[in-house]
Amino acid sequence: MKTGPDLPGREPSLYFIARKNLHRLKKKHLQGPADLVVEVISPDSRARDRGEKFYEYKQGGVREYWMIDYERKQAEFFVLDKNGIYRPAPIGKDGIYRSAVLKGLWIKVDWLWPKRLPTLMSVLKAWGLV
């Protein structure tokens, strides 16, 4: 993903592109920001994901940025405001984070680090997809 001419290319763990922005998707890269980026943080990427990428994604216009740190059992969610500043996005009292960019997408933060991950079918049922 190349978010700007003066910014380095990055390979997020996962990203979402809204239909209206599909023109940014080129044969071998994304030219411009994704609408939602998820980074799964590892010990060797922690400084890069929380530092360099955080500021580059903000500067490049990534509208929503999730940082999932399995080792520390932390999930942080940020939404770009109208002034181009990342603001922390709250997790609900029910333990659910609801995406600001992708309406209808939500995740129970507890799903991220149980002893056993929930089954795909149980997540799809919770989302009302099956």
Protein backbone atom coordinates (compact mmCIF):
# COMPACT_ATOMS: atom_id res chain seq x y z
CA MET A 1 0.00 0.00 0.00
CA LYS A 2 1.48 3.33 -1.09
CA THR A 3 -0.44 6.03 0.79
CA GLY A 4 1.46 9.05 -0.55
CA PRO A 5 4.27 10.06 -2.90
CA ASP A 6 6.64 10.92 -0.05
CA LEU A 7 5.67 7.94 2.12
CA PRO A 8 7.12 4.42 1.96
CA GLY A 9 5.09 1.48 0.75
CA ARG A 10 3.69 -0.75 3.51
CA GLU A 11 2.19 -4.23 3.74
CA PRO A 12 -0.52 -4.21 6.42
CA SER A 13 -1.64 -7.48 7.98
CA LEU A 14 -5.12 -6.85 6.58
CA TYR A 15 -6.89 -4.00 4.85
CA PHE A 16 -10.32 -3.09 3.49
CA ILE A 17 -11.04 -0.89 0.49
CA ALA A 18 -14.49 0.64 0.06
CA ARG A 19 -16.17 0.02 -3.28
CA LYS A 20 -15.90 3.71 -4.15
CA ASN A 21 -12.09 3.45 -3.78
CA LEU A 22 -11.49 0.28 -5.78
CA HIS A 23 -9.87 2.40 -8.51
CA ARG A 24 -6.86 2.64 -6.15
CA LEU A 25 -6.27 -1.09 -6.46
CA LYS A 26 -3.58 -1.69 -9.10
CA LYS A 27 -2.22 -4.98 -10.38
CA LYS A 28 0.54 -5.26 -7.76
CA HIS A 29 -0.25 -2.64 -5.12
CA LEU A 30 -2.77 -0.26 -3.63
CA GLN A 31 -2.12 3.30 -4.85
CA GLY A 32 -3.52 5.39 -2.02
CA PRO A 33 -4.79 4.61 1.44
CA ALA A 34 -6.97 1.68 2.39
CA ASP A 35 -10.13 2.68 4.22
CA LEU A 36 -9.42 0.32 7.14
CA VAL A 37 -6.06 -1.20 8.12
CA VAL A 38 -5.49 -3.91 10.71
CA GLU A 39 -1.98 -4.58 11.98
CA VAL A 40 -1.32 -7.71 14.02
CA ILE A 41 1.61 -6.66 16.14
CA SER A 42 4.52 -8.95 16.85
CA PRO A 43 7.41 -8.16 19.22
CA ASP A 44 9.71 -7.29 16.30
CA SER A 45 7.11 -5.02 14.64
CA ARG A 46 5.79 -3.23 17.75
CA ALA A 47 7.84 -0.02 17.35
CA ARG A 48 7.18 0.12 13.59
CA ASP A 49 3.41 -0.48 13.92
CA ARG A 50 2.90 1.93 16.83
CA GLY A 51 5.32 4.54 15.54
CA GLU A 52 6.22 4.76 11.88
CA LYS A 53 3.10 3.11 10.46
CA PHE A 54 0.77 4.97 12.83
CA TYR A 55 2.03 8.35 11.58
CA GLU A 56 2.34 7.27 7.94
CA TYR A 57 -1.20 5.87 7.87
CA LYS A 58 -2.51 9.05 9.49
CA GLN A 59 -0.61 11.26 7.06
CA GLY A 60 -1.64 9.09 4.13
CA GLY A 61 -5.33 9.18 5.01
CA VAL A 62 -6.14 5.66 6.28
CA ARG A 63 -9.55 6.34 7.85
CA GLU A 64 -9.47 3.60 10.51
CA TYR A 65 -6.48 1.81 12.04
CA TRP A 66 -6.63 -1.23 14.31
CA MET A 67 -3.61 -2.45 16.28
CA ILE A 68 -3.97 -5.96 17.66
CA ASP A 69 -1.19 -6.98 20.05
CA TYR A 70 -1.71 -10.63 20.96
CA GLU A 71 1.29 -10.86 23.27
CA ARG A 72 0.13 -7.91 25.39
CA LYS A 73 -3.55 -8.74 24.91
CA GLN A 74 -4.29 -5.21 23.73
CA ALA A 75 -6.56 -4.04 20.96
CA GLU A 76 -6.52 -0.38 20.01
CA PHE A 77 -8.75 1.27 17.45
CA PHE A 78 -8.25 4.70 15.88
CA VAL A 79 -10.42 6.75 13.55
CA LEU A 80 -9.17 9.68 11.48
CA ASP A 81 -11.12 12.83 12.30
CA LYS A 82 -11.95 15.67 9.90
CA ASN A 83 -8.71 17.45 10.91
CA GLY A 84 -6.56 14.45 9.96
CA ILE A 85 -5.87 13.38 13.55
CA TYR A 86 -6.26 9.80 14.78
CA ARG A 87 -8.64 9.68 17.71
CA PRO A 88 -8.98 6.58 19.90
CA ALA A 89 -12.24 4.82 19.10
CA PRO A 90 -14.03 3.38 22.11
CA ILE A 91 -14.82 -0.23 22.81
CA GLY A 92 -18.42 -0.52 24.00
CA LYS A 93 -19.36 -1.48 27.54
CA ASP A 94 -20.41 -4.80 26.02
CA GLY A 95 -16.77 -5.43 24.99
CA ILE A 96 -17.55 -4.91 21.30
CA TYR A 97 -15.76 -2.59 18.92
CA ARG A 98 -17.90 -1.36 16.03
CA SER A 99 -16.06 -0.17 12.95
CA ALA A 100 -16.62 3.46 12.01
CA VAL A 101 -15.64 2.81 8.39
CA LEU A 102 -17.25 -0.53 7.59
CA LYS A 103 -20.81 -0.30 8.87
CA GLY A 104 -22.00 -3.57 10.36
CA LEU A 105 -18.48 -4.88 11.11
CA TRP A 106 -17.90 -5.46 14.80
CA ILE A 107 -15.69 -7.64 16.90
CA LYS A 108 -15.81 -8.84 20.48
CA VAL A 109 -12.39 -7.96 21.77
CA ASP A 110 -12.47 -11.10 23.98
CA TRP A 111 -12.52 -13.17 20.78
CA LEU A 112 -8.93 -12.09 20.15
CA TRP A 113 -7.20 -13.93 23.02
CA PRO A 114 -9.14 -16.77 24.58
CA LYS A 115 -7.45 -20.09 25.26
CA ARG A 116 -9.40 -21.40 22.30
CA LEU A 117 -10.45 -19.17 19.44
CA PRO A 118 -14.17 -19.12 18.61
CA THR A 119 -15.13 -21.23 15.65
CA LEU A 120 -15.71 -19.52 12.35
CA MET A 121 -19.31 -20.72 12.42
CA SER A 122 -19.95 -19.16 15.85
CA VAL A 123 -18.57 -15.81 14.66
CA LEU A 124 -20.62 -15.93 11.46
CA LYS A 125 -23.73 -16.72 13.51
CA ALA A 126 -23.01 -13.83 15.90
CA TRP A 127 -22.70 -11.52 12.90
CA GLY A 128 -26.02 -12.81 11.54
CA LEU A 129 -24.45 -14.13 8.35
CA VAL A 130 -25.63 -17.73 8.77
